[in-house]
PDB file of N, CA and C in Angstrom:
ATOM      1  N   MET A   1      11.958   4.566  18.313  1.00  0.00           N
ATOM      2  CA  MET A   1      12.320   4.761  17.178  1.00  0.00           C
ATOM      3  C   MET A   1      10.945   5.848  16.704  1.00  0.00           C
ATOM      4  N   SER A   2      11.887   7.068  16.365  1.00  0.00           N
ATOM      5  CA  SER A   2      10.845   7.966  15.457  1.00  0.00           C
ATOM      6  C   SER A   2      11.602   7.560  13.731  1.00  0.00           C
ATOM      7  N   LEU A   3       9.778   7.529  12.751  1.00  0.00           N
ATOM      8  CA  LEU A   3      10.404   6.884  11.701  1.00  0.00           C
ATOM      9  C   LEU A   3       9.970   8.229  10.451  1.00  0.00           C
ATOM     10  N   HIS A   4      10.888   8.669   9.857  1.00  0.00           N
ATOM     11  CA  HIS A   4      10.607   9.629   8.393  1.00  0.00           C
ATOM     12  C   HIS A   4       9.849   9.592   7.342  1.00  0.00           C
ATOM     13  N   PRO A   5       9.843  10.498   6.772  1.00  0.00           N
ATOM     14  CA  PRO A   5       8.968   9.705   5.025  1.00  0.00           C
ATOM     15  C   PRO A   5       9.988   9.795   4.418  1.00  0.00           C
ATOM     16  N   LEU A   6      10.433   8.579   3.655  1.00  0.00           N
ATOM     17  CA  LEU A   6      11.386   8.825   2.826  1.00  0.00           C
ATOM     18  C   LEU A   6      10.272   9.025   1.374  1.00  0.00           C
ATOM     19  N   PHE A   7      11.438   9.795   0.686  1.00  0.00           N
ATOM     20  CA  PHE A   7      10.795  10.656  -0.937  1.00  0.00           C
ATOM     21  C   PHE A   7      11.904  10.155  -1.770  1.00  0.00           C
ATOM     22  N   PHE A   8      11.700   9.384  -3.168  1.00  0.00           N
ATOM     23  CA  PHE A   8      12.121   8.240  -3.934  1.00  0.00           C
ATOM     24  C   PHE A   8      11.496   7.945  -5.043  1.00  0.00           C
ATOM     25  N   ILE A   9      12.270   8.109  -5.911  1.00  0.00           N
ATOM     26  CA  ILE A   9      11.499   7.635  -7.911  1.00  0.00           C
ATOM     27  C   ILE A   9      12.229   6.410  -7.801  1.00  0.00           C
ATOM     28  N   ILE A  10      10.720   6.040  -8.381  1.00  0.00           N
ATOM     29  CA  ILE A  10      10.645   4.460  -8.929  1.00  0.00           C
ATOM     30  C   ILE A  10      10.343   4.395 -10.303  1.00  0.00           C
ATOM     31  N   VAL A  11      11.348   3.472 -10.743  1.00  0.00           N
ATOM     32  CA  VAL A  11      11.944   2.609 -11.824  1.00  0.00           C
ATOM     33  C   VAL A  11      11.035   1.408 -12.151  1.00  0.00           C
ATOM     34  N   PHE A  12      10.146   1.189 -12.861  1.00  0.00           N
ATOM     35  CA  PHE A  12       9.435   0.247 -12.553  1.00  0.00           C
ATOM     36  C   PHE A  12      10.758  -1.763 -13.190  1.00  0.00           C
ATOM     37  N   SER A  13      11.532  -1.228 -12.889  1.00  0.00           N
ATOM     38  CA  SER A  13      12.169  -2.347 -13.082  1.00  0.00           C
ATOM     39  C   SER A  13      13.375  -2.817 -11.706  1.00  0.00           C
ATOM     40  N   VAL A  14      12.583  -1.907 -11.314  1.00  0.00           N
ATOM     41  CA  VAL A  14      12.352  -2.729  -9.511  1.00  0.00           C
ATOM     42  C   VAL A  14      11.541  -2.536  -8.492  1.00  0.00           C
ATOM     43  N   TYR A  15      10.941  -2.951  -9.169  1.00  0.00           N
ATOM     44  CA  TYR A  15       9.018  -3.036  -8.191  1.00  0.00           C
ATOM     45  C   TYR A  15       9.364  -4.074  -7.823  1.00  0.00           C
ATOM     46  N   PRO A  16      10.305  -5.027  -8.070  1.00  0.00           N
ATOM     47  CA  PRO A  16       9.792  -6.718  -7.140  1.00  0.00           C
ATOM     48  C   PRO A  16      11.101  -5.817  -6.007  1.00  0.00           C
ATOM     49  N   LEU A  17      12.062  -5.644  -6.061  1.00  0.00           N
ATOM     50  CA  LEU A  17      13.168  -4.773  -5.290  1.00  0.00           C
ATOM     51  C   LEU A  17      12.481  -4.295  -4.164  1.00  0.00           C
ATOM     52  N   LEU A  18      11.550  -3.127  -4.292  1.00  0.00           N
ATOM     53  CA  LEU A  18      10.946  -2.154  -3.150  1.00  0.00           C
ATOM     54  C   LEU A  18       9.360  -3.237  -2.863  1.00  0.00           C
ATOM     55  N   VAL A  19       9.521  -3.983  -3.444  1.00  0.00           N
ATOM     56  CA  VAL A  19       7.903  -4.921  -2.964  1.00  0.00           C
ATOM     57  C   VAL A  19       8.833  -5.406  -1.763  1.00  0.00           C
ATOM     58  N   GLN A  20       9.756  -6.500  -2.323  1.00  0.00           N
ATOM     59  CA  GLN A  20      10.374  -7.235  -0.880  1.00  0.00           C
ATOM     60  C   GLN A  20      10.787  -6.281   0.407  1.00  0.00           C
ATOM     61  N   SER A  21      11.799  -4.842   0.111  1.00  0.00           N
ATOM     62  CA  SER A  21      12.629  -4.022   1.226  1.00  0.00           C
ATOM     63  C   SER A  21      11.159  -3.620   2.046  1.00  0.00           C
ATOM     64  N   LEU A  22      10.513  -2.844   1.233  1.00  0.00           N
ATOM     65  CA  LEU A  22       8.828  -3.208   2.168  1.00  0.00           C
ATOM     66  C   LEU A  22       8.514  -4.187   3.010  1.00  0.00           C
ATOM     67  N   LYS A  23       7.909  -5.222   2.427  1.00  0.00           N
ATOM     68  CA  LYS A  23       8.267  -6.543   3.404  1.00  0.00           C
ATOM     69  C   LYS A  23       8.488  -6.934   4.261  1.00  0.00           C
ATOM     70  N   GLU A  24      10.516  -6.869   4.342  1.00  0.00           N
ATOM     71  CA  GLU A  24      11.002  -6.625   5.483  1.00  0.00           C
ATOM     72  C   GLU A  24      10.946  -6.041   6.105  1.00  0.00           C
ATOM     73  N   ILE A  25      11.196  -4.418   5.792  1.00  0.00           N
ATOM     74  CA  ILE A  25      10.678  -3.598   7.037  1.00  0.00           C
ATOM     75  C   ILE A  25       8.960  -3.710   7.625  1.00  0.00           C
ATOM     76  N   PHE A  26       8.567  -4.461   6.480  1.00  0.00           N
ATOM     77  CA  PHE A  26       6.973  -4.519   8.205  1.00  0.00           C
ATOM     78  C   PHE A  26       7.291  -5.200   8.875  1.00  0.00           C
ATOM     79  N   GLU A  27       8.128  -6.687   9.064  1.00  0.00           N
ATOM     80  CA  GLU A  27       8.583  -7.891   8.924  1.00  0.00           C
ATOM     81  C   GLU A  27       9.746  -7.442  10.385  1.00  0.00           C
ATOM     82  N   HIS A  28      10.459  -6.293  10.460  1.00  0.00           N
ATOM     83  CA  HIS A  28      11.347  -6.108  11.327  1.00  0.00           C
ATOM     84  C   HIS A  28      10.951  -4.630  12.007  1.00  0.00           C
ATOM     85  N   GLU A  29       9.828  -4.561  11.822  1.00  0.00           N
ATOM     86  CA  GLU A  29       9.657  -2.717  13.180  1.00  0.00           C
ATOM     87  C   GLU A  29       8.375  -2.980  13.035  1.00  0.00           C
ATOM     88  N   PRO A  30       8.319  -3.275  14.464  1.00  0.00           N
ATOM     89  CA  PRO A  30       7.027  -3.891  14.956  1.00  0.00           C
ATOM     90  C   PRO A  30       5.806  -2.645  14.966  1.00  0.00           C
ATOM     91  N   ASN A  31       6.107  -1.565  15.455  1.00  0.00           N
ATOM     92  CA  ASN A  31       5.175  -0.650  15.360  1.00  0.00           C
ATOM     93  C   ASN A  31       5.217   0.339  14.295  1.00  0.00           C
ATOM     94  N   LEU A  32       5.394  -0.098  12.746  1.00  0.00           N
ATOM     95  CA  LEU A  32       4.874   0.494  12.068  1.00  0.00           C
ATOM     96  C   LEU A  32       3.813  -0.496  11.179  1.00  0.00           C
ATOM     97  N   VAL A  33       2.855   0.475  10.811  1.00  0.00           N
ATOM     98  CA  VAL A  33       1.092   0.033  10.612  1.00  0.00           C
ATOM     99  C   VAL A  33       0.757   1.272   8.939  1.00  0.00           C
ATOM    100  N   GLU A  34       1.295   1.262   8.382  1.00  0.00           N
ATOM    101  CA  GLU A  34       1.476   1.791   7.337  1.00  0.00           C
ATOM    102  C   GLU A  34       2.083   2.345   6.104  1.00  0.00           C
ATOM    103  N   PHE A  35       2.307   2.204   4.898  1.00  0.00           N
ATOM    104  CA  PHE A  35       3.078   2.765   3.992  1.00  0.00           C
ATOM    105  C   PHE A  35       2.011   3.608   3.191  1.00  0.00           C
ATOM    106  N   LEU A  36       2.789   4.742   2.626  1.00  0.00           N
ATOM    107  CA  LEU A  36       1.602   5.894   2.301  1.00  0.00           C
ATOM    108  C   LEU A  36       3.169   6.398   1.351  1.00  0.00           C
ATOM    109  N   MET A  37       2.364   6.616  -0.249  1.00  0.00           N
ATOM    110  CA  MET A  37       2.834   6.116  -0.984  1.00  0.00           C
ATOM    111  C   MET A  37       1.803   8.003  -1.879  1.00  0.00           C
ATOM    112  N   SER A  38       2.555   8.862  -2.486  1.00  0.00           N
ATOM    113  CA  SER A  38       1.879   8.769  -3.744  1.00  0.00           C
ATOM    114  C   SER A  38       2.015   9.393  -5.143  1.00  0.00           C
ATOM    115  N   TRP A  39       1.487   9.090  -5.789  1.00  0.00           N
ATOM    116  CA  TRP A  39       1.675   8.226  -6.950  1.00  0.00           C
ATOM    117  C   TRP A  39       1.493   9.471  -8.266  1.00  0.00           C
ATOM    118  N   ASN A  40       2.481   9.802  -9.239  1.00  0.00           N
ATOM    119  CA  ASN A  40       1.647  11.305  -9.406  1.00  0.00           C
ATOM    120  C   ASN A  40       1.510  10.547 -11.099  1.00  0.00           C
ATOM    121  N   ARG A  41       2.413  10.182 -11.503  1.00  0.00           N
ATOM    122  CA  ARG A  41       2.129   9.529 -12.660  1.00  0.00           C
ATOM    123  C   ARG A  41       1.836   8.107 -13.034  1.00  0.00           C
ATOM    124  N   ARG A  42       1.259   7.711 -14.494  1.00  0.00           N
ATOM    125  CA  ARG A  42       0.356   6.260 -14.740  1.00  0.00           C
ATOM    126  C   ARG A  42       1.795   6.003 -15.846  1.00  0.00           C
ATOM    127  N   ILE A  43       1.914   4.892 -15.309  1.00  0.00           N
ATOM    128  CA  ILE A  43       2.338   4.390 -16.662  1.00  0.00           C
ATOM    129  C   ILE A  43       1.979   2.892 -17.109  1.00  0.00           C
ATOM    130  N   GLN A  44       2.311   2.071 -17.730  1.00  0.00           N
ATOM    131  CA  GLN A  44       1.611   0.834 -17.914  1.00  0.00           C
ATOM    132  C   GLN A  44       2.301  -0.005 -17.285  1.00  0.00           C
ATOM    133  N   GLU A  45       2.893   0.104 -16.551  1.00  0.00           N
ATOM    134  CA  GLU A  45       4.237  -0.648 -15.955  1.00  0.00           C
ATOM    135  C   GLU A  45       3.384  -0.962 -14.256  1.00  0.00           C
ATOM    136  N   SER A  46       2.699   0.549 -13.814  1.00  0.00           N
ATOM    137  CA  SER A  46       2.619   0.808 -12.409  1.00  0.00           C
ATOM    138  C   SER A  46       1.285  -0.220 -12.071  1.00  0.00           C
ATOM    139  N   SER A  47       0.791  -0.832 -12.546  1.00  0.00           N
ATOM    140  CA  SER A  47       0.004  -2.179 -12.089  1.00  0.00           C
ATOM    141  C   SER A  47       0.476  -2.612 -11.422  1.00  0.00           C
ATOM    142  N   GLN A  48       1.839  -3.521 -11.925  1.00  0.00           N
ATOM    143  CA  GLN A  48       2.376  -3.995 -11.691  1.00  0.00           C
ATOM    144  C   GLN A  48       2.591  -4.192 -10.376  1.00  0.00           C
ATOM    145  N   PHE A  49       3.404  -3.037 -10.033  1.00  0.00           N
ATOM    146  CA  PHE A  49       3.878  -2.230  -8.617  1.00  0.00           C
ATOM    147  C   PHE A  49       2.558  -2.844  -7.524  1.00  0.00           C
ATOM    148  N   TYR A  50       1.587  -2.626  -8.045  1.00  0.00           N
ATOM    149  CA  TYR A  50      -0.257  -3.043  -6.986  1.00  0.00           C
ATOM    150  C   TYR A  50      -0.420  -5.222  -7.077  1.00  0.00           C
ATOM    151  N   ASP A  51       0.270  -5.325  -8.101  1.00  0.00           N
ATOM    152  CA  ASP A  51      -0.421  -7.200  -7.793  1.00  0.00           C
ATOM    153  C   ASP A  51       0.711  -7.045  -6.748  1.00  0.00           C
ATOM    154  N   LEU A  52       2.520  -6.725  -7.298  1.00  0.00           N
ATOM    155  CA  LEU A  52       2.761  -7.406  -6.557  1.00  0.00           C
ATOM    156  C   LEU A  52       3.350  -7.072  -4.507  1.00  0.00           C
ATOM    157  N   MET A  53       2.556  -6.139  -4.715  1.00  0.00           N
ATOM    158  CA  MET A  53       2.126  -5.825  -3.351  1.00  0.00           C
ATOM    159  C   MET A  53       0.932  -6.286  -2.863  1.00  0.00           C
ATOM    160  N   LYS A  54      -0.211  -6.914  -3.194  1.00  0.00           N
ATOM    161  CA  LYS A  54      -1.460  -8.078  -2.903  1.00  0.00           C
ATOM    162  C   LYS A  54      -0.438  -8.843  -2.983  1.00  0.00           C
ATOM    163  N   ASP A  55       0.260  -9.268  -3.842  1.00  0.00           N
ATOM    164  CA  ASP A  55       0.744 -10.800  -3.638  1.00  0.00           C
ATOM    165  C   ASP A  55       1.646 -11.196  -2.717  1.00  0.00           C
ATOM    166  N   ALA A  56       2.689  -9.547  -1.537  1.00  0.00           N
ATOM    167  CA  ALA A  56       3.242  -9.883  -0.855  1.00  0.00           C
ATOM    168  C   ALA A  56       2.280  -9.491   0.556  1.00  0.00           C
ATOM    169  N   GLY A  57       0.902  -9.828   0.449  1.00  0.00           N
ATOM    170  CA  GLY A  57       0.644  -9.281   1.447  1.00  0.00           C
ATOM    171  C   GLY A  57      -0.954  -8.088   1.579  1.00  0.00           C
ATOM    172  N   PHE A  58      -0.134  -7.269   0.988  1.00  0.00           N
ATOM    173  CA  PHE A  58      -0.532  -5.703   0.906  1.00  0.00           C
ATOM    174  C   PHE A  58      -1.964  -5.108   1.286  1.00  0.00           C
ATOM    175  N   GLN A  59      -2.154  -5.232   1.998  1.00  0.00           N
ATOM    176  CA  GLN A  59      -4.347  -4.384   1.696  1.00  0.00           C
ATOM    177  C   GLN A  59      -4.049  -3.013   0.626  1.00  0.00           C
ATOM    178  N   ILE A  60      -4.204  -2.051   0.018  1.00  0.00           N
ATOM    179  CA  ILE A  60      -3.905  -1.501  -0.869  1.00  0.00           C
ATOM    180  C   ILE A  60      -5.497  -0.217  -0.624  1.00  0.00           C
ATOM    181  N   TYR A  61      -5.567   0.627  -0.580  1.00  0.00           N
ATOM    182  CA  TYR A  61      -6.342   1.647  -0.070  1.00  0.00           C
ATOM    183  C   TYR A  61      -6.320   3.119  -0.886  1.00  0.00           C
ATOM    184  N   SER A  62      -7.153   3.658  -1.684  1.00  0.00           N
ATOM    185  CA  SER A  62      -6.479   4.719  -2.873  1.00  0.00           C
ATOM    186  C   SER A  62      -7.766   5.675  -2.456  1.00  0.00           C
ATOM    187  N   HIS A  63      -6.768   6.850  -1.615  1.00  0.00           N
ATOM    188  CA  HIS A  63      -7.538   8.162  -1.155  1.00  0.00           C
ATOM    189  C   HIS A  63      -7.969   9.074  -2.077  1.00  0.00           C
ATOM    190  N   GLY A  64      -7.054   8.664  -3.391  1.00  0.00           N
ATOM    191  CA  GLY A  64      -7.731   9.482  -4.555  1.00  0.00           C
ATOM    192  C   GLY A  64      -6.669  10.908  -4.730  1.00  0.00           C
ATOM    193  N   LYS A  65      -6.483  11.044  -5.951  1.00  0.00           N
ATOM    194  CA  LYS A  65      -5.402  11.966  -6.277  1.00  0.00           C
ATOM    195  C   LYS A  65      -4.572  11.170  -6.213  1.00  0.00           C
ATOM    196  N   GLY A  66      -4.112  10.047  -6.949  1.00  0.00           N
ATOM    197  CA  GLY A  66      -2.935   9.390  -6.636  1.00  0.00           C
ATOM    198  C   GLY A  66      -2.376   9.134  -5.400  1.00  0.00           C
ATOM    199  N   LEU A  67      -3.243   9.132  -4.487  1.00  0.00           N
ATOM    200  CA  LEU A  67      -2.043   8.623  -2.490  1.00  0.00           C
ATOM    201  C   LEU A  67      -2.592   7.689  -2.348  1.00  0.00           C
ATOM    202  N   TYR A  68      -2.015   6.773  -2.020  1.00  0.00           N
ATOM    203  CA  TYR A  68      -2.170   5.171  -1.254  1.00  0.00           C
ATOM    204  C   TYR A  68      -1.452   5.199  -0.101  1.00  0.00           C
ATOM    205  N   SER A  69      -2.697   4.441   0.557  1.00  0.00           N
ATOM    206  CA  SER A  69      -1.718   3.419   1.894  1.00  0.00           C
ATOM    207  C   SER A  69      -2.258   1.794   1.371  1.00  0.00           C
ATOM    208  N   PHE A  70      -0.821   1.784   1.952  1.00  0.00           N
ATOM    209  CA  PHE A  70       0.074   0.365   2.564  1.00  0.00           C
ATOM    210  C   PHE A  70      -0.503  -0.192   2.925  1.00  0.00           C
ATOM    211  N   TYR A  71      -1.040  -1.137   3.771  1.00  0.00           N
ATOM    212  CA  TYR A  71      -1.014  -2.185   5.323  1.00  0.00           C
ATOM    213  C   TYR A  71      -1.207  -3.346   5.059  1.00  0.00           C
ATOM    214  N   LYS A  72      -0.991  -4.104   6.416  1.00  0.00           N
ATOM    215  CA  LYS A  72      -1.497  -5.496   6.598  1.00  0.00           C
ATOM    216  C   LYS A  72      -2.330  -5.391   7.363  1.00  0.00           C
ATOM    217  N   LEU A  73      -3.298  -6.961   7.397  1.00  0.00           N
ATOM    218  CA  LEU A  73      -4.528  -7.128   8.154  1.00  0.00           C
ATOM    219  C   LEU A  73      -3.754  -6.636   9.519  1.00  0.00           C
ATOM    220  N   ASP A  74      -2.687  -7.509  10.142  1.00  0.00           N
ATOM    221  CA  ASP A  74      -1.873  -8.441  11.124  1.00  0.00           C
ATOM    222  C   ASP A  74      -1.717  -7.359  11.899  1.00  0.00           C
ATOM    223  N   ARG A  75      -1.730  -5.649  11.251  1.00  0.00           N
ATOM    224  CA  ARG A  75      -1.167  -4.502  11.576  1.00  0.00           C
ATOM    225  C   ARG A  75      -2.535  -3.765  12.021  1.00  0.00           C
ATOM    226  N   MET A  76      -3.317  -3.371  12.225  1.00  0.00           N
ATOM    227  CA  MET A  76      -4.490  -2.294  11.536  1.00  0.00           C
ATOM    228  C   MET A  76      -4.819  -1.738  13.008  1.00  0.00           C
ATOM    229  N   ASP A  77      -4.295  -0.387  12.801  1.00  0.00           N
ATOM    230  CA  ASP A  77      -4.938   0.737  13.862  1.00  0.00           C
ATOM    231  C   ASP A  77      -6.413   0.886  13.601  1.00  0.00           C
ATOM    232  N   SER A  78      -6.859   1.843  14.303  1.00  0.00           N
ATOM    233  CA  SER A  78      -8.364   2.053  14.032  1.00  0.00           C
ATOM    234  C   SER A  78      -8.693   3.191  12.866  1.00  0.00           C
ATOM    235  N   TYR A  79      -7.492   4.168  12.392  1.00  0.00           N
ATOM    236  CA  TYR A  79      -7.818   4.303  11.775  1.00  0.00           C
ATOM    237  C   TYR A  79      -7.683   3.371  10.339  1.00  0.00           C
ATOM    238  N   LEU A  80      -6.665   2.276  10.233  1.00  0.00           N
ATOM    239  CA  LEU A  80      -6.668   1.700   9.171  1.00  0.00           C
ATOM    240  C   LEU A  80      -7.786   0.975   8.790  1.00  0.00           C
ATOM    241  N   GLN A  81      -8.419   0.283  10.106  1.00  0.00           N
ATOM    242  CA  GLN A  81      -9.957  -0.126  10.445  1.00  0.00           C
ATOM    243  C   GLN A  81     -10.714   0.148   9.213  1.00  0.00           C
ATOM    244  N   THR A  82     -10.660   1.473   9.757  1.00  0.00           N
ATOM    245  CA  THR A  82     -11.790   2.183   8.891  1.00  0.00           C
ATOM    246  C   THR A  82     -11.564   2.019   7.242  1.00  0.00           C
ATOM    247  N   LEU A  83     -10.003   2.265   6.763  1.00  0.00           N
ATOM    248  CA  LEU A  83      -9.743   2.355   5.571  1.00  0.00           C
ATOM    249  C   LEU A  83     -10.335   1.071   5.102  1.00  0.00           C
ATOM    250  N   ALA A  84     -10.039   0.161   5.855  1.00  0.00           N
ATOM    251  CA  ALA A  84     -10.685  -1.280   5.345  1.00  0.00           C
ATOM    252  C   ALA A  84     -12.041  -1.740   5.475  1.00  0.00           C
ATOM    253  N   GLU A  85     -12.713  -0.912   6.769  1.00  0.00           N
ATOM    254  CA  GLU A  85     -14.549  -1.019   5.954  1.00  0.00           C
ATOM    255  C   GLU A  85     -14.538   0.729   4.624  1.00  0.00           C
ATOM    256  N   LEU A  86     -14.134   0.903   4.722  1.00  0.00           N
ATOM    257  CA  LEU A  86     -14.292   2.047   3.418  1.00  0.00           C
ATOM    258  C   LEU A  86     -13.715   1.199   2.057  1.00  0.00           C
ATOM    259  N   SER A  87     -12.349   0.158   2.058  1.00  0.00           N
ATOM    260  CA  SER A  87     -12.294  -0.621   1.195  1.00  0.00           C
ATOM    261  C   SER A  87     -13.698  -1.546   0.851  1.00  0.00           C
ATOM    262  N   SER A  88     -14.157  -1.969   1.671  1.00  0.00           N
ATOM    263  CA  SER A  88     -14.805  -3.184   1.331  1.00  0.00           C
ATOM    264  C   SER A  88     -16.224  -2.570   0.920  1.00  0.00           C
ATOM    265  N   THR A  89     -16.278  -1.513   1.670  1.00  0.00           N
ATOM    266  CA  THR A  89     -17.544  -0.870   0.617  1.00  0.00           C
ATOM    267  C   THR A  89     -17.789  -0.370  -0.502  1.00  0.00           C
ATOM    268  N   THR A  90     -16.626  -0.268  -0.831  1.00  0.00           N
ATOM    269  CA  THR A  90     -16.311   0.529  -2.130  1.00  0.00           C
ATOM    270  C   THR A  90     -16.059  -1.078  -3.175  1.00  0.00           C
ATOM    271  N   SER A  91     -15.175  -1.901  -2.409  1.00  0.00           N
ATOM    272  CA  SER A  91     -15.449  -2.842  -3.182  1.00  0.00           C
ATOM    273  C   SER A  91     -17.307  -3.620  -3.746  1.00  0.00           C
ATOM    274  N   ASN A  92     -17.246  -3.505  -2.285  1.00  0.00           N
ATOM    275  CA  ASN A  92     -18.444  -4.450  -2.030  1.00  0.00           C
ATOM    276  C   ASN A  92     -19.862  -3.797  -3.532  1.00  0.00           C
ATOM    277  N   LYS A  93     -19.795  -2.007  -3.563  1.00  0.00           N
ATOM    278  CA  LYS A  93     -20.722  -1.406  -4.322  1.00  0.00           C
ATOM    279  C   LYS A  93     -20.335  -1.624  -5.935  1.00  0.00           C
ATOM    280  N   SER A  94     -18.472  -1.067  -5.979  1.00  0.00           N
ATOM    281  CA  SER A  94     -18.674  -1.803  -7.599  1.00  0.00           C
ATOM    282  C   SER A  94     -19.112  -3.335  -7.963  1.00  0.00           C
ATOM    283  N   SER A  95     -18.473  -3.863  -7.091  1.00  0.00           N
ATOM    284  CA  SER A  95     -19.059  -5.832  -7.744  1.00  0.00           C
ATOM    285  C   SER A  95     -20.246  -5.486  -7.747  1.00  0.00           C
ATOM    286  N   SER A  96     -21.335  -4.962  -7.418  1.00  0.00           N
ATOM    287  CA  SER A  96     -22.822  -5.476  -7.016  1.00  0.00           C
ATOM    288  C   SER A  96     -23.509  -4.204  -9.249  1.00  0.00           C
ATOM    289  N   LYS A  97     -22.654  -3.855  -9.482  1.00  0.00           N
ATOM    290  CA  LYS A  97     -23.373  -2.881 -10.184  1.00  0.00           C
ATOM    291  C   LYS A  97     -22.921  -3.516 -11.557  1.00  0.00           C
TER     292      LYS A  97
END
């Protein structure tokens, strides 16, 4: 099965439905390892989406410039292991300041 990028605009009132949909997709697609999202707008409610993704068990990595990876720890390939290491290094540096 080949996976194709999905492009859509998200309205903050549907964040819970989007997170639930992503969670279900990850549960039913064993070869899916990452959800890559480009987020160009920053609105006050956007933090709600990230909080919901964390609560659903997703790890989040910011590539910078509005590009984010969402993944599950139990589905990490070598690329995502590198992101997790970078993320923990960045978290350790910022928490030690």
